[in-house]
C-alpha atoms as a PDB file:
ATOM      1  CA  UNK A   1     141.243  21.812  96.684  1.00  0.00           C
ATOM      2  CA  UNK A   2     140.318  19.933  93.545  1.00  0.00           C
ATOM      3  CA  UNK A   3     136.628  17.823  93.496  1.00  0.00           C
ATOM      4  CA  UNK A   4     137.859  15.635  90.920  1.00  0.00           C
ATOM      5  CA  UNK A   5     139.587  13.033  93.155  1.00  0.00           C
ATOM      6  CA  UNK A   6     138.350   9.515  92.403  1.00  0.00           C
ATOM      7  CA  UNK A   7     138.447   5.887  94.025  1.00  0.00           C
ATOM      8  CA  UNK A   8     137.674   2.798  93.026  1.00  0.00           C
ATOM      9  CA  UNK A   9     136.480  -0.007  95.758  1.00  0.00           C
ATOM     10  CA  UNK A  10     138.148  -2.990  96.131  1.00  0.00           C
ATOM     11  CA  UNK A  11     136.972  -5.009  93.486  1.00  0.00           C
ATOM     12  CA  UNK A  12     137.710  -2.953  90.503  1.00  0.00           C
ATOM     13  CA  UNK A  13     140.299  -5.071  89.466  1.00  0.00           C
ATOM     14  CA  UNK A  14     138.169  -8.147  88.989  1.00  0.00           C
ATOM     15  CA  UNK A  15     134.952  -6.271  87.623  1.00  0.00           C
ATOM     16  CA  UNK A  16     135.183  -4.427  85.115  1.00  0.00           C
ATOM     17  CA  UNK A  17     131.373  -2.732  85.160  1.00  0.00           C
ATOM     18  CA  UNK A  18     132.895  -1.738  88.638  1.00  0.00           C
ATOM     19  CA  UNK A  19     132.810   2.121  88.296  1.00  0.00           C
ATOM     20  CA  UNK A  20     134.494   5.260  90.183  1.00  0.00           C
ATOM     21  CA  UNK A  21     133.613   6.751  92.784  1.00  0.00           C
ATOM     22  CA  UNK A  22     134.367  10.146  93.975  1.00  0.00           C
ATOM     23  CA  UNK A  23     137.111  10.378  97.091  1.00  0.00           C
ATOM     24  CA  UNK A  24     137.030  12.666 100.077  1.00  0.00           C
ATOM     25  CA  UNK A  25     140.529  13.149 100.077  1.00  0.00           C
ATOM     26  CA  UNK A  26     139.945  16.598 102.342  1.00  0.00           C
ATOM     27  CA  UNK A  27     142.220  15.162 105.430  1.00  0.00           C
ATOM     28  CA  UNK A  28     144.753  14.051 103.461  1.00  0.00           C
ATOM     29  CA  UNK A  29     145.098  17.283 102.098  1.00  0.00           C
ATOM     30  CA  UNK A  30     145.364  19.245 105.069  1.00  0.00           C
ATOM     31  CA  UNK A  31     147.999  17.017 106.834  1.00  0.00           C
ATOM     32  CA  UNK A  32     149.744  17.076 103.109  1.00  0.00           C
ATOM     33  CA  UNK A  33     149.272  21.461 103.294  1.00  0.00           C
ATOM     34  CA  UNK A  34     150.840  21.292 106.911  1.00  0.00           C
ATOM     35  CA  UNK A  35     153.673  19.238 106.451  1.00  0.00           C
ATOM     36  CA  UNK A  36     154.681  21.987 103.632  1.00  0.00           C
ATOM     37  CA  UNK A  37     154.091  24.985 106.075  1.00  0.00           C
ATOM     38  CA  UNK A  38     156.584  23.093 108.561  1.00  0.00           C
ATOM     39  CA  UNK A  39     158.968  22.384 106.244  1.00  0.00           C
ATOM     40  CA  UNK A  40     158.657  26.150 105.134  1.00  0.00           C
ATOM     41  CA  UNK A  41     159.442  27.058 108.713  1.00  0.00           C
ATOM     42  CA  UNK A  42     162.000  24.963 109.354  1.00  0.00           C
ATOM     43  CA  UNK A  43     164.035  26.422 106.349  1.00  0.00           C
ATOM     44  CA  UNK A  44     162.857  29.983 106.810  1.00  0.00           C
ATOM     45  CA  UNK A  45     164.132  29.289 110.392  1.00  0.00           C
ATOM     46  CA  UNK A  46     167.791  27.980 109.055  1.00  0.00           C
ATOM     47  CA  UNK A  47     166.971  24.916 111.231  1.00  0.00           C
ATOM     48  CA  UNK A  48     168.170  23.121 108.180  1.00  0.00           C
ATOM     49  CA  UNK A  49     170.451  24.635 105.192  1.00  0.00           C
ATOM     50  CA  UNK A  50     169.775  25.217 101.625  1.00  0.00           C
ATOM     51  CA  UNK A  51     172.495  22.106 100.912  1.00  0.00           C
ATOM     52  CA  UNK A  52     170.697  19.979 103.515  1.00  0.00           C
ATOM     53  CA  UNK A  53     167.789  20.505 101.870  1.00  0.00           C
ATOM     54  CA  UNK A  54     169.200  19.729  98.215  1.00  0.00           C
ATOM     55  CA  UNK A  55     170.841  17.006  99.508  1.00  0.00           C
ATOM     56  CA  UNK A  56     167.559  15.437 100.561  1.00  0.00           C
ATOM     57  CA  UNK A  57     165.848  16.569  97.653  1.00  0.00           C
ATOM     58  CA  UNK A  58     168.368  14.844  95.058  1.00  0.00           C
ATOM     59  CA  UNK A  59     167.764  11.363  97.119  1.00  0.00           C
ATOM     60  CA  UNK A  60     164.149  11.756  96.156  1.00  0.00           C
ATOM     61  CA  UNK A  61     164.860  12.477  92.750  1.00  0.00           C
ATOM     62  CA  UNK A  62     166.792   9.307  92.102  1.00  0.00           C
ATOM     63  CA  UNK A  63     163.876   7.427  93.560  1.00  0.00           C
ATOM     64  CA  UNK A  64     161.964   9.046  90.803  1.00  0.00           C
ATOM     65  CA  UNK A  65     164.007   7.890  88.057  1.00  0.00           C
ATOM     66  CA  UNK A  66     164.289   4.430  89.450  1.00  0.00           C
ATOM     67  CA  UNK A  67     160.717   3.819  89.818  1.00  0.00           C
ATOM     68  CA  UNK A  68     160.023   5.780  86.718  1.00  0.00           C
ATOM     69  CA  UNK A  69     162.589   3.445  84.948  1.00  0.00           C
ATOM     70  CA  UNK A  70     161.045   0.166  86.839  1.00  0.00           C
ATOM     71  CA  UNK A  71     157.334   0.733  85.251  1.00  0.00           C
ATOM     72  CA  UNK A  72     159.085   0.633  82.107  1.00  0.00           C
ATOM     73  CA  UNK A  73     161.081  -1.751  82.813  1.00  0.00           C
ATOM     74  CA  UNK A  74     164.423   0.242  81.817  1.00  0.00           C
ATOM     75  CA  UNK A  75     167.457   0.982  83.406  1.00  0.00           C
ATOM     76  CA  UNK A  76     169.268  -0.531  86.426  1.00  0.00           C
ATOM     77  CA  UNK A  77     168.962  -2.092  89.845  1.00  0.00           C
ATOM     78  CA  UNK A  78     168.876   1.344  92.712  1.00  0.00           C
ATOM     79  CA  UNK A  79     172.437   1.086  93.794  1.00  0.00           C
ATOM     80  CA  UNK A  80     173.893   1.828  90.502  1.00  0.00           C
ATOM     81  CA  UNK A  81     170.798   4.124  89.548  1.00  0.00           C
ATOM     82  CA  UNK A  82     171.601   5.680  92.838  1.00  0.00           C
ATOM     83  CA  UNK A  83     174.996   6.198  92.335  1.00  0.00           C
ATOM     84  CA  UNK A  84     174.541   7.178  88.467  1.00  0.00           C
ATOM     85  CA  UNK A  85     172.222  10.315  89.141  1.00  0.00           C
ATOM     86  CA  UNK A  86     174.057  11.703  92.016  1.00  0.00           C
ATOM     87  CA  UNK A  87     176.735  12.072  89.856  1.00  0.00           C
ATOM     88  CA  UNK A  88     174.625  13.941  87.100  1.00  0.00           C
ATOM     89  CA  UNK A  89     172.780  15.740  89.688  1.00  0.00           C
ATOM     90  CA  UNK A  90     176.320  16.711  91.906  1.00  0.00           C
ATOM     91  CA  UNK A  91     177.530  18.065  88.355  1.00  0.00           C
ATOM     92  CA  UNK A  92     180.483  15.504  88.928  1.00  0.00           C
ATOM     93  CA  UNK A  93     180.510  14.849  85.494  1.00  0.00           C
ATOM     94  CA  UNK A  94     179.351  17.054  83.523  1.00  0.00           C
ATOM     95  CA  UNK A  95     178.123  20.766  84.520  1.00  0.00           C
ATOM     96  CA  UNK A  96     180.785  22.774  83.302  1.00  0.00           C
ATOM     97  CA  UNK A  97     178.644  22.011  80.072  1.00  0.00           C
ATOM     98  CA  UNK A  98     175.325  23.589  78.772  1.00  0.00           C
ATOM     99  CA  UNK A  99     172.640  20.265  78.453  1.00  0.00           C
ATOM    100  CA  UNK A 100     172.437  21.030  74.523  1.00  0.00           C
ATOM    101  CA  UNK A 101     176.278  21.288  73.697  1.00  0.00           C
ATOM    102  CA  UNK A 102     178.555  17.938  72.293  1.00  0.00           C
ATOM    103  CA  UNK A 103     180.667  18.785  75.303  1.00  0.00           C
ATOM    104  CA  UNK A 104     177.941  17.903  77.722  1.00  0.00           C
ATOM    105  CA  UNK A 105     176.849  14.600  76.172  1.00  0.00           C
ATOM    106  CA  UNK A 106     180.692  13.453  75.773  1.00  0.00           C
ATOM    107  CA  UNK A 107     180.919  13.483  79.931  1.00  0.00           C
ATOM    108  CA  UNK A 108     177.496  11.637  79.785  1.00  0.00           C
ATOM    109  CA  UNK A 109     179.123   9.448  77.258  1.00  0.00           C
ATOM    110  CA  UNK A 110     182.147   8.685  79.831  1.00  0.00           C
ATOM    111  CA  UNK A 111     179.971   7.944  82.764  1.00  0.00           C
ATOM    112  CA  UNK A 112     178.053   5.374  80.589  1.00  0.00           C
ATOM    113  CA  UNK A 113     181.005   3.573  79.742  1.00  0.00           C
ATOM    114  CA  UNK A 114     183.434   3.796  82.298  1.00  0.00           C
ATOM    115  CA  UNK A 115     184.810   0.543  83.768  1.00  0.00           C
ATOM    116  CA  UNK A 116     183.272  -1.389  80.614  1.00  0.00           C
ATOM    117  CA  UNK A 117     184.037  -3.575  78.126  1.00  0.00           C
ATOM    118  CA  UNK A 118     182.679  -1.942  74.411  1.00  0.00           C
ATOM    119  CA  UNK A 119     180.927  -5.919  74.736  1.00  0.00           C
ATOM    120  CA  UNK A 120     178.714  -5.318  77.422  1.00  0.00           C
ATOM    121  CA  UNK A 121     175.952  -3.842  75.314  1.00  0.00           C
ATOM    122  CA  UNK A 122     172.996  -4.512  77.999  1.00  0.00           C
ATOM    123  CA  UNK A 123     174.681  -2.728  80.877  1.00  0.00           C
ATOM    124  CA  UNK A 124     175.753   0.008  78.707  1.00  0.00           C
ATOM    125  CA  UNK A 125     172.174   0.353  77.508  1.00  0.00           C
ATOM    126  CA  UNK A 126     170.874   0.114  80.935  1.00  0.00           C
ATOM    127  CA  UNK A 127     173.327   3.160  82.019  1.00  0.00           C
ATOM    128  CA  UNK A 128     172.206   5.078  79.287  1.00  0.00           C
ATOM    129  CA  UNK A 129     168.681   4.981  79.931  1.00  0.00           C
ATOM    130  CA  UNK A 130     169.729   6.014  83.837  1.00  0.00           C
ATOM    131  CA  UNK A 131     171.924   8.954  82.533  1.00  0.00           C
ATOM    132  CA  UNK A 132     169.800  10.145  80.025  1.00  0.00           C
ATOM    133  CA  UNK A 133     166.652   9.736  82.189  1.00  0.00           C
ATOM    134  CA  UNK A 134     168.669  12.241  85.244  1.00  0.00           C
ATOM    135  CA  UNK A 135     169.946  14.473  83.042  1.00  0.00           C
ATOM    136  CA  UNK A 136     166.645  14.967  81.070  1.00  0.00           C
ATOM    137  CA  UNK A 137     164.675  15.162  84.949  1.00  0.00           C
ATOM    138  CA  UNK A 138     167.443  18.062  85.453  1.00  0.00           C
ATOM    139  CA  UNK A 139     167.012  20.307  82.465  1.00  0.00           C
ATOM    140  CA  UNK A 140     163.220  20.374  82.921  1.00  0.00           C
ATOM    141  CA  UNK A 141     163.249  21.261  86.670  1.00  0.00           C
ATOM    142  CA  UNK A 142     166.027  23.821  86.074  1.00  0.00           C
ATOM    143  CA  UNK A 143     164.288  25.385  83.370  1.00  0.00           C
ATOM    144  CA  UNK A 144     161.146  25.394  85.082  1.00  0.00           C
ATOM    145  CA  UNK A 145     161.726  25.804  88.539  1.00  0.00           C
ATOM    146  CA  UNK A 146     164.897  27.469  88.826  1.00  0.00           C
ATOM    147  CA  UNK A 147     164.806  29.946  85.914  1.00  0.00           C
ATOM    148  CA  UNK A 148     161.168  30.148  86.271  1.00  0.00           C
ATOM    149  CA  UNK A 149     160.674  29.593  82.553  1.00  0.00           C
ATOM    150  CA  UNK A 150     157.222  27.879  81.306  1.00  0.00           C
ATOM    151  CA  UNK A 151     156.766  24.534  79.598  1.00  0.00           C
ATOM    152  CA  UNK A 152     156.262  25.153  76.104  1.00  0.00           C
ATOM    153  CA  UNK A 153     156.620  22.399  73.324  1.00  0.00           C
ATOM    154  CA  UNK A 154     160.104  23.266  73.067  1.00  0.00           C
ATOM    155  CA  UNK A 155     161.034  22.401  76.234  1.00  0.00           C
ATOM    156  CA  UNK A 156     159.177  19.257  76.034  1.00  0.00           C
ATOM    157  CA  UNK A 157     161.130  18.343  72.715  1.00  0.00           C
ATOM    158  CA  UNK A 158     164.263  19.398  74.230  1.00  0.00           C
ATOM    159  CA  UNK A 159     164.164  17.134  77.631  1.00  0.00           C
ATOM    160  CA  UNK A 160     162.733  14.155  75.441  1.00  0.00           C
ATOM    161  CA  UNK A 161     165.438  14.639  72.949  1.00  0.00           C
ATOM    162  CA  UNK A 162     168.106  14.815  76.042  1.00  0.00           C
ATOM    163  CA  UNK A 163     166.248  11.302  77.623  1.00  0.00           C
ATOM    164  CA  UNK A 164     166.689   9.254  74.212  1.00  0.00           C
ATOM    165  CA  UNK A 165     169.902  10.295  73.035  1.00  0.00           C
ATOM    166  CA  UNK A 166     171.745   6.774  72.031  1.00  0.00           C
ATOM    167  CA  UNK A 167     168.883   5.055  72.713  1.00  0.00           C
ATOM    168  CA  UNK A 168     166.440   3.290  70.179  1.00  0.00           C
ATOM    169  CA  UNK A 169     162.973   2.180  70.904  1.00  0.00           C
ATOM    170  CA  UNK A 170     163.297  -1.221  68.932  1.00  0.00           C
ATOM    171  CA  UNK A 171     166.977  -2.585  69.226  1.00  0.00           C
ATOM    172  CA  UNK A 172     167.274  -2.998  72.759  1.00  0.00           C
ATOM    173  CA  UNK A 173     171.222  -3.357  73.597  1.00  0.00           C
ATOM    174  CA  UNK A 174     172.462  -1.390  70.880  1.00  0.00           C
ATOM    175  CA  UNK A 175     173.356   2.301  70.304  1.00  0.00           C
ATOM    176  CA  UNK A 176     171.027   3.711  67.614  1.00  0.00           C
ATOM    177  CA  UNK A 177     171.087   7.641  66.946  1.00  0.00           C
ATOM    178  CA  UNK A 178     167.938   7.022  64.955  1.00  0.00           C
ATOM    179  CA  UNK A 179     166.553  10.601  65.077  1.00  0.00           C
ATOM    180  CA  UNK A 180     163.398  10.434  67.245  1.00  0.00           C
ATOM    181  CA  UNK A 181     164.224  12.451  69.997  1.00  0.00           C
ATOM    182  CA  UNK A 182     161.849  14.995  70.471  1.00  0.00           C
ATOM    183  CA  UNK A 183     160.299  14.625  67.350  1.00  0.00           C
ATOM    184  CA  UNK A 184     156.436  14.347  67.687  1.00  0.00           C
ATOM    185  CA  UNK A 185     154.950  10.694  65.848  1.00  0.00           C
ATOM    186  CA  UNK A 186     154.673  10.744  62.331  1.00  0.00           C
ATOM    187  CA  UNK A 187     152.038   9.559  59.715  1.00  0.00           C
ATOM    188  CA  UNK A 188     152.139   5.980  60.139  1.00  0.00           C
ATOM    189  CA  UNK A 189     153.759   5.605  63.731  1.00  0.00           C
ATOM    190  CA  UNK A 190     150.219   4.893  65.547  1.00  0.00           C
ATOM    191  CA  UNK A 191     149.850   4.100  69.391  1.00  0.00           C
ATOM    192  CA  UNK A 192     147.942   2.308  71.358  1.00  0.00           C
ATOM    193  CA  UNK A 193     147.077   1.910  75.517  1.00  0.00           C
ATOM    194  CA  UNK A 194     145.517  -1.790  75.021  1.00  0.00           C
ATOM    195  CA  UNK A 195     142.809  -1.322  72.865  1.00  0.00           C
ATOM    196  CA  UNK A 196     143.000   2.345  72.974  1.00  0.00           C
ATOM    197  CA  UNK A 197     144.404   4.484  70.612  1.00  0.00           C
ATOM    198  CA  UNK A 198     146.020   7.579  71.545  1.00  0.00           C
ATOM    199  CA  UNK A 199     146.031  10.706  69.902  1.00  0.00           C
ATOM    200  CA  UNK A 200     146.910  10.072  65.856  1.00  0.00           C
ATOM    201  CA  UNK A 201     149.957  11.445  64.633  1.00  0.00           C
ATOM    202  CA  UNK A 202     147.848  14.202  62.761  1.00  0.00           C
ATOM    203  CA  UNK A 203     146.161  15.650  65.584  1.00  0.00           C
ATOM    204  CA  UNK A 204     148.963  15.489  68.120  1.00  0.00           C
ATOM    205  CA  UNK A 205     150.532  19.106  67.222  1.00  0.00           C
ATOM    206  CA  UNK A 206     146.970  20.728  68.555  1.00  0.00           C
ATOM    207  CA  UNK A 207     146.539  18.922  71.577  1.00  0.00           C
ATOM    208  CA  UNK A 208     150.080  19.486  72.848  1.00  0.00           C
ATOM    209  CA  UNK A 209     149.576  23.211  71.707  1.00  0.00           C
ATOM    210  CA  UNK A 210     146.283  22.511  73.487  1.00  0.00           C
ATOM    211  CA  UNK A 211     148.372  21.355  76.947  1.00  0.00           C
ATOM    212  CA  UNK A 212     151.002  24.089  76.869  1.00  0.00           C
ATOM    213  CA  UNK A 213     148.459  26.752  76.799  1.00  0.00           C
ATOM    214  CA  UNK A 214     146.396  25.446  79.458  1.00  0.00           C
ATOM    215  CA  UNK A 215     148.878  24.470  81.654  1.00  0.00           C
ATOM    216  CA  UNK A 216     149.933  28.426  81.065  1.00  0.00           C
ATOM    217  CA  UNK A 217     146.454  29.813  82.015  1.00  0.00           C
ATOM    218  CA  UNK A 218     146.182  27.339  84.982  1.00  0.00           C
ATOM    219  CA  UNK A 219     149.371  28.475  86.709  1.00  0.00           C
ATOM    220  CA  UNK A 220     148.438  32.151  85.694  1.00  0.00           C
ATOM    221  CA  UNK A 221     145.559  31.701  87.836  1.00  0.00           C
ATOM    222  CA  UNK A 222     147.318  30.208  90.767  1.00  0.00           C
ATOM    223  CA  UNK A 223     149.762  33.291  90.205  1.00  0.00           C
ATOM    224  CA  UNK A 224     146.554  35.211  90.454  1.00  0.00           C
ATOM    225  CA  UNK A 225     144.318  34.022  93.303  1.00  0.00           C
ATOM    226  CA  UNK A 226     147.500  32.076  95.086  1.00  0.00           C
ATOM    227  CA  UNK A 227     144.644  28.790  95.275  1.00  0.00           C
ATOM    228  CA  UNK A 228     146.296  25.660  94.228  1.00  0.00           C
ATOM    229  CA  UNK A 229     146.102  21.903  94.105  1.00  0.00           C
ATOM    230  CA  UNK A 230     149.266  20.765  93.241  1.00  0.00           C
ATOM    231  CA  UNK A 231     148.559  17.036  93.598  1.00  0.00           C
ATOM    232  CA  UNK A 232     145.597  17.165  91.161  1.00  0.00           C
ATOM    233  CA  UNK A 233     147.298  19.819  89.020  1.00  0.00           C
ATOM    234  CA  UNK A 234     150.546  17.538  88.374  1.00  0.00           C
ATOM    235  CA  UNK A 235     148.592  14.387  87.826  1.00  0.00           C
ATOM    236  CA  UNK A 236     146.084  16.305  85.243  1.00  0.00           C
ATOM    237  CA  UNK A 237     149.008  17.208  82.997  1.00  0.00           C
ATOM    238  CA  UNK A 238     150.601  13.821  83.401  1.00  0.00           C
ATOM    239  CA  UNK A 239     147.528  12.516  82.462  1.00  0.00           C
ATOM    240  CA  UNK A 240     146.758  14.324  79.672  1.00  0.00           C
ATOM    241  CA  UNK A 241     150.423  13.759  78.463  1.00  0.00           C
ATOM    242  CA  UNK A 242     150.470  10.406  78.217  1.00  0.00           C
ATOM    243  CA  UNK A 243     146.777  10.194  76.463  1.00  0.00           C
ATOM    244  CA  UNK A 244     148.458  12.073  73.835  1.00  0.00           C
ATOM    245  CA  UNK A 245     151.546  10.101  73.726  1.00  0.00           C
ATOM    246  CA  UNK A 246     153.152  12.402  71.540  1.00  0.00           C
ATOM    247  CA  UNK A 247     156.667  10.858  70.947  1.00  0.00           C
ATOM    248  CA  UNK A 248     157.589   7.095  69.416  1.00  0.00           C
ATOM    249  CA  UNK A 249     159.286   6.110  73.059  1.00  0.00           C
ATOM    250  CA  UNK A 250     159.402   7.535  76.372  1.00  0.00           C
ATOM    251  CA  UNK A 251     156.303   8.979  76.924  1.00  0.00           C
ATOM    252  CA  UNK A 252     155.542   7.247  80.139  1.00  0.00           C
ATOM    253  CA  UNK A 253     158.928   9.231  81.829  1.00  0.00           C
ATOM    254  CA  UNK A 254     158.163  11.955  80.280  1.00  0.00           C
ATOM    255  CA  UNK A 255     154.775  12.585  81.943  1.00  0.00           C
ATOM    256  CA  UNK A 256     156.271  11.952  85.166  1.00  0.00           C
ATOM    257  CA  UNK A 257     159.003  13.862  84.657  1.00  0.00           C
ATOM    258  CA  UNK A 258     156.426  16.651  84.016  1.00  0.00           C
ATOM    259  CA  UNK A 259     154.455  15.777  87.157  1.00  0.00           C
ATOM    260  CA  UNK A 260     157.689  15.351  89.011  1.00  0.00           C
ATOM    261  CA  UNK A 261     158.283  19.337  88.020  1.00  0.00           C
ATOM    262  CA  UNK A 262     154.580  20.791  88.556  1.00  0.00           C
ATOM    263  CA  UNK A 263     154.865  19.475  92.080  1.00  0.00           C
ATOM    264  CA  UNK A 264     158.657  20.793  92.811  1.00  0.00           C
ATOM    265  CA  UNK A 265     157.232  24.168  92.160  1.00  0.00           C
ATOM    266  CA  UNK A 266     154.526  24.368  94.000  1.00  0.00           C
ATOM    267  CA  UNK A 267     154.776  21.725  96.410  1.00  0.00           C
ATOM    268  CA  UNK A 268     158.609  21.801  96.935  1.00  0.00           C
ATOM    269  CA  UNK A 269     158.784  18.201  96.497  1.00  0.00           C
ATOM    270  CA  UNK A 270     158.705  14.679  94.393  1.00  0.00           C
ATOM    271  CA  UNK A 271     156.392  11.911  94.259  1.00  0.00           C
ATOM    272  CA  UNK A 272     158.438   8.372  93.506  1.00  0.00           C
ATOM    273  CA  UNK A 273     156.064   6.173  91.356  1.00  0.00           C
ATOM    274  CA  UNK A 274     156.517   2.342  90.569  1.00  0.00           C
ATOM    275  CA  UNK A 275     159.600   1.599  92.615  1.00  0.00           C
ATOM    276  CA  UNK A 276     157.858  -1.743  93.669  1.00  0.00           C
ATOM    277  CA  UNK A 277     156.115  -4.217  91.692  1.00  0.00           C
ATOM    278  CA  UNK A 278     153.116  -3.635  93.531  1.00  0.00           C
ATOM    279  CA  UNK A 279     152.999   0.242  93.132  1.00  0.00           C
ATOM    280  CA  UNK A 280     154.240  -0.106  89.754  1.00  0.00           C
ATOM    281  CA  UNK A 281     150.790  -2.762  88.909  1.00  0.00           C
ATOM    282  CA  UNK A 282     148.422   0.329  90.499  1.00  0.00           C
ATOM    283  CA  UNK A 283     150.429   2.758  88.765  1.00  0.00           C
ATOM    284  CA  UNK A 284     149.589   0.907  85.313  1.00  0.00           C
ATOM    285  CA  UNK A 285     146.288   0.127  86.473  1.00  0.00           C
ATOM    286  CA  UNK A 286     145.570   3.354  86.720  1.00  0.00           C
ATOM    287  CA  UNK A 287     146.852   4.610  83.449  1.00  0.00           C
ATOM    288  CA  UNK A 288     145.110   2.069  81.519  1.00  0.00           C
ATOM    289  CA  UNK A 289     141.636   2.751  83.351  1.00  0.00           C
ATOM    290  CA  UNK A 290     142.293   6.560  82.468  1.00  0.00           C
ATOM    291  CA  UNK A 291     143.007   5.339  79.045  1.00  0.00           C
ATOM    292  CA  UNK A 292     140.324   3.635  78.967  1.00  0.00           C
ATOM    293  CA  UNK A 293     137.791   7.145  79.202  1.00  0.00           C
ATOM    294  CA  UNK A 294     140.422   8.749  77.351  1.00  0.00           C
ATOM    295  CA  UNK A 295     141.797  10.529  80.149  1.00  0.00           C
ATOM    296  CA  UNK A 296     140.882  10.992  83.594  1.00  0.00           C
ATOM    297  CA  UNK A 297     143.687  12.451  86.458  1.00  0.00           C
ATOM    298  CA  UNK A 298     141.274  11.791  89.308  1.00  0.00           C
ATOM    299  CA  UNK A 299     142.881   8.201  90.715  1.00  0.00           C
ATOM    300  CA  UNK A 300     145.988   9.244  90.075  1.00  0.00           C
ATOM    301  CA  UNK A 301     145.776  12.421  91.657  1.00  0.00           C
ATOM    302  CA  UNK A 302     145.006  10.300  94.797  1.00  0.00           C
ATOM    303  CA  UNK A 303     147.611   8.116  93.901  1.00  0.00           C
ATOM    304  CA  UNK A 304     150.164  10.888  94.250  1.00  0.00           C
ATOM    305  CA  UNK A 305     148.653  13.164  97.165  1.00  0.00           C
ATOM    306  CA  UNK A 306     148.986  10.028  99.097  1.00  0.00           C
ATOM    307  CA  UNK A 307     152.360   9.207  98.293  1.00  0.00           C
ATOM    308  CA  UNK A 308     153.423  13.090  98.689  1.00  0.00           C
ATOM    309  CA  UNK A 309     152.450  12.033 102.495  1.00  0.00           C
ATOM    310  CA  UNK A 310     155.173   9.834 103.008  1.00  0.00           C
ATOM    311  CA  UNK A 311     157.615  11.851 101.168  1.00  0.00           C
ATOM    312  CA  UNK A 312     156.474  14.599 102.769  1.00  0.00           C
ATOM    313  CA  UNK A 313     156.568  13.427 106.402  1.00  0.00           C
ATOM    314  CA  UNK A 314     159.846  11.726 105.907  1.00  0.00           C
ATOM    315  CA  UNK A 315     161.609  15.243 104.351  1.00  0.00           C
ATOM    316  CA  UNK A 316     159.598  17.174 107.839  1.00  0.00           C
ATOM    317  CA  UNK A 317     161.424  14.411 110.042  1.00  0.00           C
ATOM    318  CA  UNK A 318     164.838  14.583 108.331  1.00  0.00           C
ATOM    319  CA  UNK A 319     165.150  18.219 108.010  1.00  0.00           C
ATOM    320  CA  UNK A 320     164.210  18.834 112.296  1.00  0.00           C
ATOM    321  CA  UNK A 321     166.898  16.367 113.433  1.00  0.00           C
ATOM    322  CA  UNK A 322     169.679  18.583 111.674  1.00  0.00           C
END
């Protein structure tokens, strides 16, 4: 277990002089580890089937998409998000086609525009934000988890390209195939988090190369030693990515997809953040505090650890009842 978990006193939101403190999360970590072992035991005993596990995971993945979109104030309400995401995850509209193909994107377009008049551009955009997000998340999970490919700059760029296909960072409600998907910010495209400036465009290639190399090294160490804290690992690379902010748009959604891809691979679950406005506020405040110091994942990791406990408990209970 990492010793980098952090917590803020209750008054930290109102007093800018308050500093974060080390957090003892050993009890929560041990509880989560026990839940993971129990779920593994249930699956080995075939009390629950792989299909049942997949159904539960897909429902949690929908919550991830909804919460992540809610943080950015994009997408749709939960019920519509649920319907559209499951259509993507279960291949009801697109699976015969590779993610990079024209046919694949054509099927996504059909899902976006189904039963709508062409003039309903705001609804079309909201649907697109959901469908592309689900398709991007599925692409990342298949590469990193299912096929055991490393998270490379190429995979990150391709996932971002899928996420932003047909969307503009500026012209909300209108189709705009402006070519920024999967491309790092260029000269003149600065990015700020409050008063903090993220990596300058000239610094992005080196920073991203360092990120993927460090992740590869961390994973190699994990697989050699079998010693892992999946919650801190996931939070660390989420935090590091968003504090580089390599793309013009979609960085928040991308960092949370990376977070959850790491969680799936090394803990077997996803964690939905930001689904309720109170949760959204907490997440954004944590991100702001991290940006002020140029990146620190300790408080985010504690949020992920705590959120994972509820997800793991619910998953264990549902699988046990099958």
